[in-house]
Amino acid sequence: MSPKAKAPKRKKSRKPATARAPRKARNERQEDKPLEPEVLEPEAVEAEPPDEGAPAETTLPVPVERDLAHADALQRYMAEVARHSLLSREEEHDLAVKFQRTHDPEIAYRLVTANLRLVVKIAHEYRRAAFNLLDLIQEGNVGLMHAVQKYDPFRGVKLSSYAAWWIRAYILRYLMDNWRMVKLGTTQAQRKLFFNLRKEQEKLLAQGFEAAPKLLAERLDVTEQDVREMDQRLANDEFSIDAPVSGAQDEGRQTHGDRLVQAAPPVDEQLADEELRRIFKEKLAEFGKTLTADKDRFLFENRIAPANDREPMTLQQIGDLWGVTRERARQLEARLTDRLRDYLRRELPDFAQLSVTPAEES
């Protein structure tokens, strides 16, 4: 038999040229996309310049001009930061020496702009703190400017290493001041607890210990009361005491403030006590005018009701002044006190109901 004839190969049909867009058109469509947020990842920003050699190129992506119209404020700021070149170690040292000697603002501007990437990197570490990243960067920039002013180039420390402490300090202070409506971190112990309490609790739980306030206080070198207060403040949100209580029967009228326990006496009782004290002082002054004996007047003015809130004299001092014993001075005072009590009972029918301490009688 004759060998089978091979079928001719069929040529693959090509798609029309119009089915694929030109490469140039595809690139233009990709360039029109808005910038992706991953440009803010920490590894995308070179924080410190190399120690030697020419300044390295930053890896921070720079948007093209036509993309800036569609970029948000943060992306535009990142593009502006990337325009400032880094400084080598020698250039940074020379500029810092000149600024320390001349305090030229142009030199300070160059040192600040060369380290703006460091601020972005440190601020990005706190991006999960529910704050606008631009606000954190702004506070970090203030810390960077303070670092440039106080930097000593002759201590052998790079400006970026020194400035990192100032940048972080200003960002942390901003977080504490704006974390809640009620300011936190007003003391050193509160600041330590604000940043370390939750981490220390998680560490103890991971080790199998109960995160008790006593153990936390020992670990963080603070008091147990500070631990309890900060734990309550971090666990609960603030609310207005004038806000209506949800679920109340008379909703819209009863507020959280209505449910607070009032330790002080009611206002009407406070006003009544103030009125009684005023009347008592008036009668006391009238009794003093009735005294004619010098010793009685001296005891009244220096022992029973001294003027101008002065400290009353002691019985020993009065006895030494008169040349008598302390007991004799006490007897004279007791006789004058009985006269005063009888006078007040005649002038004030409700004198027995008055409750006035000796400090308030003065």
Protein backbone atom coordinates (compact mmCIF):
# COMPACT_ATOMS: atom_id res chain seq x y z
CA MET A 1 0.00 0.00 0.00
CA SER A 2 1.10 3.48 -0.72
CA PRO A 3 1.98 5.53 2.32
CA LYS A 4 -0.68 7.81 3.57
CA ALA A 5 -0.48 11.25 2.24
CA LYS A 6 0.26 13.81 4.89
CA ALA A 7 -2.33 16.46 5.35
CA PRO A 8 -1.05 19.93 4.72
CA LYS A 9 -0.45 22.01 7.87
CA ARG A 10 -3.06 24.60 8.50
CA LYS A 11 -1.78 28.04 9.19
CA LYS A 12 -2.97 29.63 12.40
CA SER A 13 -5.13 32.58 11.79
CA ARG A 14 -3.83 35.77 13.31
CA LYS A 15 -6.01 38.26 15.07
CA PRO A 16 -6.54 41.50 13.31
CA ALA A 17 -4.04 44.17 14.20
CA THR A 18 -6.78 46.32 15.65
CA ALA A 19 -7.52 43.79 18.42
CA ARG A 20 -4.38 44.73 20.45
CA ALA A 21 -3.79 48.25 21.55
CA PRO A 22 -0.43 49.77 20.80
CA ARG A 23 2.20 49.46 23.53
CA LYS A 24 2.39 53.20 23.92
CA ALA A 25 -1.36 53.51 24.49
CA ARG A 26 -1.28 50.73 27.12
CA ASN A 27 1.51 52.45 29.01
CA GLU A 28 -0.39 55.71 29.01
CA ARG A 29 -3.46 54.00 30.47
CA GLN A 30 -1.34 52.44 33.22
CA GLU A 31 0.20 55.81 34.03
CA ASP A 32 -3.23 57.32 34.47
CA LYS A 33 -3.91 55.00 37.44
CA PRO A 34 -3.74 56.67 40.86
CA LEU A 35 -0.68 55.92 42.97
CA GLU A 36 -0.93 52.84 45.16
CA PRO A 37 -0.69 53.27 48.95
CA GLU A 38 2.18 50.79 49.27
CA VAL A 39 4.62 53.56 48.43
CA LEU A 40 4.47 54.40 52.13
CA GLU A 41 5.86 51.09 53.34
CA PRO A 42 8.89 51.57 55.62
CA GLU A 43 11.25 49.68 53.33
CA ALA A 44 10.40 52.07 50.51
CA VAL A 45 12.00 55.00 52.33
CA GLU A 46 15.70 55.17 52.97
CA ALA A 47 15.94 56.83 56.39
CA GLU A 48 19.68 57.41 56.77
CA PRO A 49 22.23 58.40 54.12
CA PRO A 50 25.29 56.20 53.65
CA ASP A 51 28.31 56.97 55.75
CA GLU A 52 30.70 57.33 52.84
CA GLY A 53 30.60 58.07 49.17
CA ALA A 54 28.08 59.92 47.10
CA PRO A 55 24.49 60.17 48.39
CA ALA A 56 22.39 57.19 47.43
CA GLU A 57 19.30 57.59 45.34
CA THR A 58 16.08 57.29 47.26
CA THR A 59 13.73 54.43 46.50
CA LEU A 60 10.72 56.62 47.10
CA PRO A 61 8.56 56.59 43.97
CA VAL A 62 8.04 60.01 42.46
CA PRO A 63 4.70 60.55 40.72
CA VAL A 64 4.81 62.03 37.27
CA GLU A 65 3.39 65.50 36.84
CA ARG A 66 0.10 64.43 35.32
CA ASP A 67 -0.55 62.05 38.25
CA LEU A 68 -0.22 64.78 40.87
CA ALA A 69 -3.62 66.17 39.91
CA HIS A 70 -5.21 62.86 40.99
CA ALA A 71 -2.99 62.25 44.03
CA ASP A 72 -4.09 63.00 47.58
CA ALA A 73 -2.29 65.33 49.98
CA LEU A 74 -0.06 62.59 51.37
CA GLN A 75 1.10 61.46 47.94
CA ARG A 76 1.85 65.03 46.92
CA TYR A 77 3.87 65.50 50.10
CA MET A 78 5.83 62.31 49.40
CA ALA A 79 6.58 63.56 45.92
CA GLU A 80 7.85 66.84 47.36
CA VAL A 81 10.04 65.02 49.89
CA ALA A 82 11.64 62.96 47.13
CA ARG A 83 12.79 66.14 45.36
CA HIS A 84 15.28 66.90 48.16
CA SER A 85 18.53 64.99 47.79
CA LEU A 86 20.29 63.23 50.63
CA LEU A 87 23.57 64.33 52.16
CA SER A 88 26.70 62.29 52.61
CA ARG A 89 28.27 62.02 56.04
CA GLU A 90 30.94 64.58 55.17
CA GLU A 91 28.45 67.06 53.70
CA GLU A 92 26.19 66.71 56.70
CA HIS A 93 29.07 67.29 59.12
CA ASP A 94 30.33 70.35 57.24
CA LEU A 95 26.88 71.90 57.10
CA ALA A 96 26.24 71.19 60.78
CA VAL A 97 29.54 72.83 61.74
CA LYS A 98 28.69 75.91 59.66
CA PHE A 99 25.22 76.13 61.15
CA GLN A 100 26.57 75.84 64.70
CA ARG A 101 28.89 78.74 63.95
CA THR A 102 26.62 81.02 61.87
CA HIS A 103 23.02 79.86 62.61
CA ASP A 104 22.21 80.46 58.97
CA PRO A 105 18.55 79.48 58.29
CA GLU A 106 19.45 78.36 54.76
CA ILE A 107 21.84 75.76 56.16
CA ALA A 108 19.23 74.61 58.68
CA TYR A 109 16.71 74.27 55.84
CA ARG A 110 19.11 72.04 53.92
CA LEU A 111 19.74 69.81 56.94
CA VAL A 112 16.02 69.51 57.66
CA THR A 113 14.95 68.72 54.11
CA ALA A 114 17.66 66.08 53.76
CA ASN A 115 16.14 64.16 56.71
CA LEU A 116 12.45 64.44 55.89
CA ARG A 117 12.45 60.79 54.82
CA LEU A 118 13.43 59.81 58.36
CA VAL A 119 10.35 61.60 59.72
CA VAL A 120 8.10 59.72 57.29
CA LYS A 121 9.60 56.40 58.29
CA ILE A 122 9.20 56.99 62.04
CA ALA A 123 5.67 58.39 61.64
CA HIS A 124 4.74 55.33 59.61
CA GLU A 125 5.52 53.14 62.65
CA TYR A 126 2.52 54.72 64.40
CA ARG A 127 0.12 54.55 61.45
CA ARG A 128 -2.16 52.12 63.34
CA ALA A 129 -2.83 54.64 66.09
CA ALA A 130 -6.02 55.90 64.37
CA PHE A 131 -4.42 59.22 63.50
CA ASN A 132 -3.85 60.95 60.21
CA LEU A 133 -0.36 60.11 59.01
CA LEU A 134 0.17 63.68 57.84
CA ASP A 135 -0.50 64.94 61.37
CA LEU A 136 2.13 62.58 62.74
CA ILE A 137 4.57 63.70 60.05
CA GLN A 138 3.90 67.32 60.91
CA GLU A 139 4.71 66.75 64.58
CA GLY A 140 7.80 64.78 63.63
CA ASN A 141 8.99 67.65 61.43
CA VAL A 142 8.81 69.98 64.43
CA GLY A 143 10.94 67.54 66.39
CA LEU A 144 13.41 67.38 63.49
CA MET A 145 13.79 71.16 63.48
CA HIS A 146 14.49 71.15 67.22
CA ALA A 147 17.07 68.41 66.69
CA VAL A 148 18.87 70.47 64.04
CA GLN A 149 19.02 73.44 66.39
CA LYS A 150 20.48 71.41 69.27
CA TYR A 151 22.72 69.05 67.27
CA ASP A 152 26.42 69.01 68.14
CA PRO A 153 28.45 67.72 65.17
CA PHE A 154 31.56 67.14 67.30
CA ARG A 155 30.09 64.33 69.42
CA GLY A 156 30.56 61.71 66.70
CA VAL A 157 26.85 60.97 66.29
CA LYS A 158 25.02 61.25 63.00
CA LEU A 159 22.30 63.85 62.77
CA SER A 160 19.74 61.24 61.75
CA SER A 161 20.50 59.13 64.84
CA TYR A 162 20.20 62.15 67.13
CA ALA A 163 17.11 63.53 65.41
CA ALA A 164 15.26 60.20 65.68
CA TRP A 165 14.85 60.74 69.43
CA TRP A 166 13.38 64.22 68.99
CA ILE A 167 11.08 63.10 66.17
CA ARG A 168 9.76 60.17 68.16
CA ALA A 169 9.31 62.30 71.29
CA TYR A 170 7.16 64.87 69.49
CA ILE A 171 5.04 62.18 67.83
CA LEU A 172 4.48 60.38 71.13
CA ARG A 173 3.55 63.60 72.88
CA TYR A 174 1.03 64.34 70.13
CA LEU A 175 -0.49 60.87 70.53
CA MET A 176 -0.86 61.27 74.28
CA ASP A 177 -2.36 64.76 74.02
CA ASN A 178 -4.92 63.75 71.39
CA TRP A 179 -5.65 60.11 72.19
CA ARG A 180 -8.66 61.02 74.30
CA MET A 181 -10.65 64.13 75.12
CA VAL A 182 -9.28 63.86 78.65
CA LYS A 183 -5.52 64.26 78.49
CA LEU A 184 -3.41 61.21 79.34
CA GLY A 185 0.22 60.91 80.29
CA THR A 186 0.49 63.94 82.57
CA THR A 187 3.08 62.19 84.78
CA GLN A 188 6.11 60.02 84.08
CA ALA A 189 4.32 56.93 85.46
CA GLN A 190 1.26 57.57 83.26
CA ARG A 191 3.41 57.98 80.17
CA LYS A 192 5.17 54.71 80.90
CA LEU A 193 1.84 52.91 81.39
CA PHE A 194 0.28 54.51 78.32
CA PHE A 195 2.85 52.89 76.03
CA ASN A 196 3.72 49.71 77.90
CA LEU A 197 0.71 48.55 79.91
CA ARG A 198 -1.02 46.55 77.17
CA LYS A 199 2.25 45.06 75.91
CA GLU A 200 3.23 43.97 79.43
CA GLN A 201 -0.21 42.42 80.00
CA GLU A 202 0.08 40.40 76.80
CA LYS A 203 3.60 39.32 77.73
CA LEU A 204 2.48 38.07 81.15
CA LEU A 205 -0.49 36.21 79.70
CA ALA A 206 1.78 34.57 77.11
CA GLN A 207 4.07 33.40 79.93
CA GLY A 208 1.13 31.89 81.82
CA PHE A 209 0.89 34.53 84.56
CA GLU A 210 -2.17 36.48 85.60
CA ALA A 211 -1.79 40.14 84.67
CA ALA A 212 -2.58 41.37 88.17
CA PRO A 213 -2.04 45.06 89.02
CA LYS A 214 0.56 44.17 91.67
CA LEU A 215 2.69 42.19 89.23
CA LEU A 216 2.34 44.83 86.53
CA ALA A 217 3.35 47.54 88.99
CA GLU A 218 6.50 45.60 89.88
CA ARG A 219 7.38 45.02 86.24
CA LEU A 220 6.87 48.65 85.21
CA ASP A 221 8.14 50.24 88.46
CA VAL A 222 4.93 52.16 89.19
CA THR A 223 2.27 52.01 91.88
CA GLU A 224 -0.71 49.67 91.79
CA GLN A 225 -3.07 52.64 91.87
CA ASP A 226 -1.50 54.04 88.70
CA VAL A 227 -1.93 50.67 86.99
CA ARG A 228 -5.61 50.43 87.93
CA GLU A 229 -6.39 53.99 86.86
CA MET A 230 -4.63 53.69 83.49
CA ASP A 231 -6.23 50.30 82.82
CA GLN A 232 -9.69 51.77 83.40
CA ARG A 233 -8.97 54.82 81.25
CA LEU A 234 -7.66 52.74 78.36
CA ALA A 235 -10.51 50.22 78.58
CA ASN A 236 -13.37 52.73 78.57
CA ASP A 237 -14.25 55.54 76.20
CA GLU A 238 -15.18 59.00 77.38
CA PHE A 239 -18.79 60.08 77.26
CA SER A 240 -20.59 63.26 78.13
CA ILE A 241 -22.38 63.24 81.47
CA ASP A 242 -25.03 65.44 79.83
CA ALA A 243 -25.80 62.75 77.22
CA PRO A 244 -29.21 61.05 77.73
CA VAL A 245 -29.16 57.56 79.16
CA SER A 246 -30.15 55.03 76.53
CA GLY A 247 -32.93 52.68 77.57
CA ALA A 248 -34.23 54.94 80.31
CA GLN A 249 -37.99 55.19 80.72
CA ASP A 250 -37.94 58.95 80.53
CA GLU A 251 -35.47 58.98 77.67
CA GLY A 252 -34.28 62.42 76.66
CA ARG A 253 -34.43 63.83 80.18
CA GLN A 254 -32.37 61.55 82.39
CA THR A 255 -28.64 61.90 81.78
CA HIS A 256 -25.55 60.11 83.03
CA GLY A 257 -24.94 63.03 85.37
CA ASP A 258 -28.27 62.35 87.08
CA ARG A 259 -27.01 58.91 88.08
CA LEU A 260 -23.77 60.11 89.64
CA VAL A 261 -23.60 59.88 93.41
CA GLN A 262 -23.29 63.31 95.01
CA ALA A 263 -20.96 63.21 98.00
CA ALA A 264 -21.59 66.81 99.07
CA PRO A 265 -24.78 67.80 100.90
CA PRO A 266 -27.66 69.23 98.87
CA VAL A 267 -27.49 72.83 97.77
CA ASP A 268 -30.34 73.94 100.05
CA GLU A 269 -28.54 72.55 103.10
CA GLN A 270 -25.32 74.29 102.08
CA LEU A 271 -27.14 77.63 101.77
CA ALA A 272 -28.79 77.14 105.16
CA ASP A 273 -25.45 76.40 106.82
CA GLU A 274 -23.88 79.48 105.25
CA GLU A 275 -26.72 81.65 106.56
CA LEU A 276 -26.38 80.22 110.08
CA ARG A 277 -22.63 80.86 110.07
CA ARG A 278 -23.20 84.45 108.97
CA ILE A 279 -25.70 85.08 111.77
CA PHE A 280 -23.44 83.37 114.31
CA LYS A 281 -20.49 85.59 113.39
CA GLU A 282 -22.63 88.71 113.70
CA LYS A 283 -23.80 87.73 117.19
CA LEU A 284 -20.26 86.82 118.16
CA ALA A 285 -19.05 90.27 117.16
CA GLU A 286 -21.89 91.88 119.15
CA PHE A 287 -20.93 89.86 122.24
CA GLY A 288 -17.35 91.08 121.96
CA LYS A 289 -18.52 94.68 122.15
CA THR A 290 -20.22 94.00 125.50
CA LEU A 291 -16.97 92.95 127.20
CA THR A 292 -15.48 95.60 129.49
CA ALA A 293 -12.77 93.74 131.41
CA ASP A 294 -9.34 93.81 129.79
CA LYS A 295 -8.64 90.10 130.39
CA ASP A 296 -12.02 89.06 129.02
CA ARG A 297 -11.52 91.18 125.91
CA PHE A 298 -7.98 89.82 125.48
CA LEU A 299 -9.18 86.21 125.75
CA PHE A 300 -12.00 86.86 123.30
CA GLU A 301 -9.79 88.55 120.69
CA ASN A 302 -6.79 86.21 120.95
CA ARG A 303 -8.27 82.90 122.04
CA ILE A 304 -11.98 82.50 121.25
CA ALA A 305 -12.44 84.63 118.12
CA PRO A 306 -9.07 85.89 116.81
CA ALA A 307 -9.39 88.43 114.01
CA ASN A 308 -8.07 88.04 110.45
CA ASP A 309 -7.98 84.24 110.74
CA ARG A 310 -4.94 84.39 113.04
CA GLU A 311 -3.86 81.32 114.96
CA PRO A 312 -5.29 81.50 118.52
CA MET A 313 -2.82 81.84 121.34
CA THR A 314 -2.23 78.84 123.55
CA LEU A 315 -3.22 78.78 127.20
CA GLN A 316 0.44 78.50 128.15
CA GLN A 317 1.27 81.65 126.22
CA ILE A 318 -1.59 83.55 127.89
CA GLY A 319 -0.55 82.31 131.33
CA ASP A 320 3.05 83.35 130.79
CA LEU A 321 1.91 86.78 129.58
CA TRP A 322 -0.28 87.36 132.67
CA GLY A 323 2.05 85.69 135.13
CA VAL A 324 -0.43 82.92 136.03
CA THR A 325 -0.52 79.19 135.50
CA ARG A 326 -1.97 77.47 132.47
CA GLU A 327 -4.83 76.09 134.56
CA ARG A 328 -5.77 79.56 135.73
CA ALA A 329 -5.89 80.77 132.15
CA ARG A 330 -8.13 77.81 131.28
CA GLN A 331 -10.52 78.70 134.12
CA LEU A 332 -10.79 82.28 132.92
CA GLU A 333 -11.50 81.06 129.40
CA ALA A 334 -14.17 78.61 130.61
CA ARG A 335 -15.96 81.38 132.54
CA LEU A 336 -15.96 83.59 129.43
CA THR A 337 -17.21 80.71 127.27
CA ASP A 338 -20.18 80.13 129.60
CA ARG A 339 -21.10 83.82 129.34
CA LEU A 340 -20.90 83.59 125.55
CA ARG A 341 -23.13 80.48 125.50
CA ASP A 342 -25.79 82.16 127.63
CA TYR A 343 -25.71 85.24 125.39
CA LEU A 344 -26.20 83.19 122.22
CA ARG A 345 -29.10 81.28 123.76
CA ARG A 346 -30.86 84.54 124.45
CA GLU A 347 -30.16 85.99 121.00
CA LEU A 348 -30.59 82.80 118.94
CA PRO A 349 -33.51 80.54 119.94
CA ASP A 350 -32.17 77.75 117.72
CA PHE A 351 -28.64 77.97 119.11
CA ALA A 352 -28.74 74.36 120.32
CA GLN A 353 -29.20 73.16 116.71
CA LEU A 354 -26.13 75.01 115.44
CA SER A 355 -23.12 72.89 114.63
CA VAL A 356 -20.12 75.09 114.08
CA THR A 357 -16.53 73.92 114.50
CA PRO A 358 -14.02 76.11 116.38
CA ALA A 359 -12.11 76.76 113.13
CA GLU A 360 -15.27 78.10 111.52
CA GLU A 361 -16.11 80.24 114.61
CA SER A 362 -12.94 82.24 114.07
